[in-house]
Every structure is written in structure tokens, then in C-alpha cells.
């Protein structure tokens, strides 16, 4: 650090850059946790709370975070442990809804399969009955033809 003419310490350009990056990382973390990211690849999409997502949102490299901002990584880990999730809440909700839809569709599929089996059985029975009625009709037509023949006295 250097001192200016009045005796107040000023930050070196490196320290200023590091402080600005830390501020960017903290606000990016807040946005990610609040499900309001600014980065176009994260906005409106599912994402996990990871260092990569944080780096993308803050627009810095992961190496910068790991090398110079270890407390941010630890804070990210605490947030993940506190919330009990890595994924965003919108994603979790969509996943839960999708699982419920899958279960509902599987139940519906089972009901339709049962109904289909019943209809198939009824169709086979109807075809058997049709064949029997066809044979009965042939016999009745033969009997009718025999009955209409003039009888020899």
C-alpha cells in the first residue's frame, strides 16, 4: 500500500481490482441465491449453485475465485448446506411437478392397459358369438329351405 500526501492509505490497483471482483462475486452470489441471475445463459433457466455458475454470473474465471476468493467459495458451500440443495428452486419445483405428471401418466397407462384388455376380451367373445350365430343362421336357412320344398305325398 502507498500513502498519499495527506497520510491516508490508498489501495494499489491490484487491491482495488481484487476488492471490486469480491464485490461482484458477492452480489452475483446474492442474485443466484435469490433466483434472479443477470447472465443470459442463467436467466430463466435451471442452474445449480456451483462455483462455475457463480463465475459465469460474476463474469470472472473459476480460477480467480479458487485462487483469490476462497471465503466466497466457503460462503457458497454454506448456502448450499443451509438450503439443502444445489439446484435452483424453480428447477426443483419443475422437477417435482414432472415427477408427479410421470406418476399420474403411469397410473393412467395402467388403467388404459386394463381397459384395453377388457375390450379385447369382449371383442374376442363377440367374434366367437358372431361365428356361432353365423353357423346357426346357416342351419336355420337350410331348415327353412327344406321346409319350403314341396313335400312328396
C-alpha atoms as a PDB file:
ATOM      1  CA  UNK A   1       0.000   0.000   0.000  1.00  0.00           C
ATOM      2  CA  UNK A   2       1.129   3.514  -0.611  1.00  0.00           C
ATOM      3  CA  UNK A   3       0.341   6.704   1.215  1.00  0.00           C
ATOM      4  CA  UNK A   4      -0.910   9.842  -0.425  1.00  0.00           C
ATOM      5  CA  UNK A   5       0.193  13.324   0.614  1.00  0.00           C
ATOM      6  CA  UNK A   6      -2.279  13.593   3.489  1.00  0.00           C
ATOM      7  CA  UNK A   7      -1.149  10.303   5.032  1.00  0.00           C
ATOM      8  CA  UNK A   8      -4.257   8.196   4.213  1.00  0.00           C
ATOM      9  CA  UNK A   9      -3.576   4.782   2.801  1.00  0.00           C
ATOM     10  CA  UNK A  10      -4.710   4.153  -0.756  1.00  0.00           C
ATOM     11  CA  UNK A  11      -5.136   0.794  -2.369  1.00  0.00           C
ATOM     12  CA  UNK A  12      -2.899  -0.445  -5.121  1.00  0.00           C
ATOM     13  CA  UNK A  13      -4.525  -1.125  -8.499  1.00  0.00           C
ATOM     14  CA  UNK A  14      -4.266  -4.862  -7.805  1.00  0.00           C
ATOM     15  CA  UNK A  15      -6.009  -4.498  -4.442  1.00  0.00           C
ATOM     16  CA  UNK A  16      -8.725  -2.307  -5.989  1.00  0.00           C
ATOM     17  CA  UNK A  17      -9.319  -4.906  -8.689  1.00  0.00           C
ATOM     18  CA  UNK A  18      -9.458  -7.685  -6.105  1.00  0.00           C
ATOM     19  CA  UNK A  19     -11.947  -5.732  -3.969  1.00  0.00           C
ATOM     20  CA  UNK A  20     -14.128  -4.954  -6.990  1.00  0.00           C
ATOM     21  CA  UNK A  21     -14.080  -8.628  -8.010  1.00  0.00           C
ATOM     22  CA  UNK A  22     -15.065  -9.635  -4.480  1.00  0.00           C
ATOM     23  CA  UNK A  23     -17.968  -7.188  -4.526  1.00  0.00           C
ATOM     24  CA  UNK A  24     -19.044  -8.554  -7.931  1.00  0.00           C
ATOM     25  CA  UNK A  25     -18.853 -12.113  -6.594  1.00  0.00           C
ATOM     26  CA  UNK A  26     -20.921 -11.307  -3.501  1.00  0.00           C
ATOM     27  CA  UNK A  27     -23.640  -9.571  -5.497  1.00  0.00           C
ATOM     28  CA  UNK A  28     -23.577 -12.421  -8.056  1.00  0.00           C
ATOM     29  CA  UNK A  29     -23.978 -14.933  -5.217  1.00  0.00           C
ATOM     30  CA  UNK A  30     -26.911 -12.943  -3.841  1.00  0.00           C
ATOM     31  CA  UNK A  31     -28.558 -12.919  -7.276  1.00  0.00           C
ATOM     32  CA  UNK A  32     -28.038 -16.661  -7.737  1.00  0.00           C
ATOM     33  CA  UNK A  33     -29.435 -17.482  -4.306  1.00  0.00           C
ATOM     34  CA  UNK A  34     -32.353 -15.129  -4.959  1.00  0.00           C
ATOM     35  CA  UNK A  35     -33.009 -16.875  -8.308  1.00  0.00           C
ATOM     36  CA  UNK A  36     -32.521 -13.601 -10.203  1.00  0.00           C
ATOM     37  CA  UNK A  37     -29.355 -14.045 -12.273  1.00  0.00           C
ATOM     38  CA  UNK A  38     -28.335 -11.427 -14.836  1.00  0.00           C
ATOM     39  CA  UNK A  39     -26.229 -13.627 -17.094  1.00  0.00           C
ATOM     40  CA  UNK A  40     -28.162 -14.596 -20.249  1.00  0.00           C
ATOM     41  CA  UNK A  41     -27.212 -18.270 -20.012  1.00  0.00           C
ATOM     42  CA  UNK A  42     -28.626 -18.462 -16.475  1.00  0.00           C
ATOM     43  CA  UNK A  43     -31.629 -16.148 -16.669  1.00  0.00           C
ATOM     44  CA  UNK A  44     -34.920 -18.021 -16.896  1.00  0.00           C
ATOM     45  CA  UNK A  45     -33.184 -21.394 -16.927  1.00  0.00           C
ATOM     46  CA  UNK A  46     -32.332 -24.020 -14.377  1.00  0.00           C
ATOM     47  CA  UNK A  47     -28.916 -23.891 -12.799  1.00  0.00           C
ATOM     48  CA  UNK A  48     -27.101 -25.351  -9.863  1.00  0.00           C
ATOM     49  CA  UNK A  49     -25.394 -23.317  -7.180  1.00  0.00           C
ATOM     50  CA  UNK A  50     -21.806 -24.034  -8.158  1.00  0.00           C
ATOM     51  CA  UNK A  51     -18.561 -22.120  -8.479  1.00  0.00           C
ATOM     52  CA  UNK A  52     -18.964 -22.337 -12.246  1.00  0.00           C
ATOM     53  CA  UNK A  53     -22.397 -20.696 -12.109  1.00  0.00           C
ATOM     54  CA  UNK A  54     -21.043 -18.059  -9.721  1.00  0.00           C
ATOM     55  CA  UNK A  55     -18.101 -17.386 -12.026  1.00  0.00           C
ATOM     56  CA  UNK A  56     -20.410 -17.091 -15.009  1.00  0.00           C
ATOM     57  CA  UNK A  57     -22.790 -14.733 -13.185  1.00  0.00           C
ATOM     58  CA  UNK A  58     -19.907 -12.565 -11.898  1.00  0.00           C
ATOM     59  CA  UNK A  59     -18.161 -12.842 -15.278  1.00  0.00           C
ATOM     60  CA  UNK A  60     -14.849 -13.986 -13.820  1.00  0.00           C
ATOM     61  CA  UNK A  61     -12.894 -17.206 -14.191  1.00  0.00           C
ATOM     62  CA  UNK A  62     -13.262 -20.088 -11.761  1.00  0.00           C
ATOM     63  CA  UNK A  63      -9.521 -19.975 -11.162  1.00  0.00           C
ATOM     64  CA  UNK A  64      -9.842 -16.397  -9.937  1.00  0.00           C
ATOM     65  CA  UNK A  65     -12.448 -17.495  -7.415  1.00  0.00           C
ATOM     66  CA  UNK A  66     -10.481 -20.509  -6.202  1.00  0.00           C
ATOM     67  CA  UNK A  67      -7.137 -18.697  -6.078  1.00  0.00           C
ATOM     68  CA  UNK A  68      -8.102 -15.295  -4.680  1.00  0.00           C
ATOM     69  CA  UNK A  69     -11.581 -15.544  -3.145  1.00  0.00           C
ATOM     70  CA  UNK A  70     -11.661 -18.660  -1.006  1.00  0.00           C
ATOM     71  CA  UNK A  71     -14.122 -17.116   1.520  1.00  0.00           C
ATOM     72  CA  UNK A  72     -16.679 -16.770  -1.288  1.00  0.00           C
ATOM     73  CA  UNK A  73     -16.336 -20.490  -2.063  1.00  0.00           C
ATOM     74  CA  UNK A  74     -16.862 -21.294   1.609  1.00  0.00           C
ATOM     75  CA  UNK A  75     -19.888 -18.995   1.707  1.00  0.00           C
ATOM     76  CA  UNK A  76     -21.287 -20.737  -1.368  1.00  0.00           C
ATOM     77  CA  UNK A  77     -20.816 -24.100   0.361  1.00  0.00           C
ATOM     78  CA  UNK A  78     -22.642 -22.796   3.452  1.00  0.00           C
ATOM     79  CA  UNK A  79     -25.549 -21.586   1.318  1.00  0.00           C
ATOM     80  CA  UNK A  80     -25.784 -24.985  -0.356  1.00  0.00           C
ATOM     81  CA  UNK A  81     -25.769 -26.744   3.032  1.00  0.00           C
ATOM     82  CA  UNK A  82     -28.335 -24.349   4.517  1.00  0.00           C
ATOM     83  CA  UNK A  83     -30.753 -24.666   1.637  1.00  0.00           C
ATOM     84  CA  UNK A  84     -30.063 -28.376   1.259  1.00  0.00           C
ATOM     85  CA  UNK A  85     -29.897 -28.069  -2.476  1.00  0.00           C
ATOM     86  CA  UNK A  86     -27.607 -27.161  -5.283  1.00  0.00           C
ATOM     87  CA  UNK A  87     -30.305 -26.642  -7.888  1.00  0.00           C
ATOM     88  CA  UNK A  88     -32.489 -23.596  -8.140  1.00  0.00           C
ATOM     89  CA  UNK A  89     -35.927 -23.653  -6.546  1.00  0.00           C
ATOM     90  CA  UNK A  90     -37.673 -23.164  -9.898  1.00  0.00           C
ATOM     91  CA  UNK A  91     -35.901 -26.229 -11.201  1.00  0.00           C
ATOM     92  CA  UNK A  92     -36.793 -28.234  -8.095  1.00  0.00           C
ATOM     93  CA  UNK A  93     -40.437 -27.254  -8.455  1.00  0.00           C
ATOM     94  CA  UNK A  94     -40.472 -28.161 -12.139  1.00  0.00           C
ATOM     95  CA  UNK A  95     -38.772 -31.473 -11.359  1.00  0.00           C
ATOM     96  CA  UNK A  96     -41.318 -32.275  -8.644  1.00  0.00           C
ATOM     97  CA  UNK A  97     -44.177 -31.403 -10.991  1.00  0.00           C
ATOM     98  CA  UNK A  98     -42.665 -33.510 -13.754  1.00  0.00           C
ATOM     99  CA  UNK A  99     -42.349 -36.485 -11.406  1.00  0.00           C
ATOM    100  CA  UNK A 100     -45.988 -36.077 -10.365  1.00  0.00           C
ATOM    101  CA  UNK A 101     -47.027 -35.960 -14.024  1.00  0.00           C
ATOM    102  CA  UNK A 102     -44.983 -39.095 -14.727  1.00  0.00           C
ATOM    103  CA  UNK A 103     -46.654 -40.945 -11.854  1.00  0.00           C
ATOM    104  CA  UNK A 104     -50.094 -39.792 -13.000  1.00  0.00           C
ATOM    105  CA  UNK A 105     -49.358 -40.848 -16.587  1.00  0.00           C
ATOM    106  CA  UNK A 106     -48.086 -44.243 -15.440  1.00  0.00           C
ATOM    107  CA  UNK A 107     -51.297 -44.796 -13.466  1.00  0.00           C
ATOM    108  CA  UNK A 108     -53.341 -43.682 -16.450  1.00  0.00           C
ATOM    109  CA  UNK A 109     -51.343 -46.005 -18.696  1.00  0.00           C
ATOM    110  CA  UNK A 110     -52.083 -48.926 -16.344  1.00  0.00           C
ATOM    111  CA  UNK A 111     -55.798 -48.112 -16.335  1.00  0.00           C
ATOM    112  CA  UNK A 112     -55.824 -47.874 -20.122  1.00  0.00           C
ATOM    113  CA  UNK A 113     -53.980 -51.195 -20.420  1.00  0.00           C
ATOM    114  CA  UNK A 114     -56.592 -52.817 -18.161  1.00  0.00           C
ATOM    115  CA  UNK A 115     -59.418 -51.254 -20.142  1.00  0.00           C
ATOM    116  CA  UNK A 116     -57.777 -52.358 -23.378  1.00  0.00           C
ATOM    117  CA  UNK A 117     -57.528 -55.946 -22.105  1.00  0.00           C
ATOM    118  CA  UNK A 118     -61.226 -55.906 -21.146  1.00  0.00           C
ATOM    119  CA  UNK A 119     -62.177 -54.557 -24.577  1.00  0.00           C
ATOM    120  CA  UNK A 120     -60.012 -57.163 -26.282  1.00  0.00           C
ATOM    121  CA  UNK A 121     -61.713 -59.931 -24.292  1.00  0.00           C
ATOM    122  CA  UNK A 122     -65.150 -58.550 -25.196  1.00  0.00           C
ATOM    123  CA  UNK A 123     -64.125 -58.342 -28.863  1.00  0.00           C
ATOM    124  CA  UNK A 124     -62.963 -61.961 -28.896  1.00  0.00           C
ATOM    125  CA  UNK A 125     -66.188 -63.080 -27.193  1.00  0.00           C
ATOM    126  CA  UNK A 126     -68.236 -61.064 -29.710  1.00  0.00           C
ATOM    127  CA  UNK A 127     -66.357 -62.673 -32.601  1.00  0.00           C
ATOM    128  CA  UNK A 128     -67.000 -66.143 -31.150  1.00  0.00           C
ATOM    129  CA  UNK A 129     -70.664 -65.325 -30.715  1.00  0.00           C
ATOM    130  CA  UNK A 130     -70.786 -63.987 -34.288  1.00  0.00           C
ATOM    131  CA  UNK A 131     -69.323 -67.245 -35.604  1.00  0.00           C
ATOM    132  CA  UNK A 132     -71.846 -69.261 -33.607  1.00  0.00           C
ATOM    133  CA  UNK A 133     -74.681 -67.073 -34.896  1.00  0.00           C
ATOM    134  CA  UNK A 134     -73.359 -67.450 -38.441  1.00  0.00           C
ATOM    135  CA  UNK A 135     -73.424 -71.247 -38.106  1.00  0.00           C
ATOM    136  CA  UNK A 136     -76.892 -71.104 -36.531  1.00  0.00           C
ATOM    137  CA  UNK A 137     -78.050 -68.856 -39.398  1.00  0.00           C
ATOM    138  CA  UNK A 138     -76.732 -71.331 -41.961  1.00  0.00           C
ATOM    139  CA  UNK A 139     -78.580 -74.189 -40.191  1.00  0.00           C
ATOM    140  CA  UNK A 140     -81.777 -72.132 -39.987  1.00  0.00           C
ATOM    141  CA  UNK A 141     -81.540 -71.210 -43.664  1.00  0.00           C
ATOM    142  CA  UNK A 142     -81.059 -74.880 -44.522  1.00  0.00           C
ATOM    143  CA  UNK A 143     -84.050 -75.809 -42.360  1.00  0.00           C
ATOM    144  CA  UNK A 144     -86.103 -73.040 -43.984  1.00  0.00           C
ATOM    145  CA  UNK A 145     -85.102 -74.211 -47.452  1.00  0.00           C
ATOM    146  CA  UNK A 146     -86.024 -77.762 -46.505  1.00  0.00           C
ATOM    147  CA  UNK A 147     -89.352 -76.585 -45.070  1.00  0.00           C
ATOM    148  CA  UNK A 148     -90.194 -74.688 -48.263  1.00  0.00           C
ATOM    149  CA  UNK A 149     -89.565 -77.672 -50.536  1.00  0.00           C
ATOM    150  CA  UNK A 150     -92.742 -79.326 -51.595  1.00  0.00           C
ATOM    151  CA  UNK A 151     -93.288 -82.436 -49.680  1.00  0.00           C
ATOM    152  CA  UNK A 152     -93.992 -85.604 -51.597  1.00  0.00           C
ATOM    153  CA  UNK A 153     -97.136 -87.242 -50.547  1.00  0.00           C
END
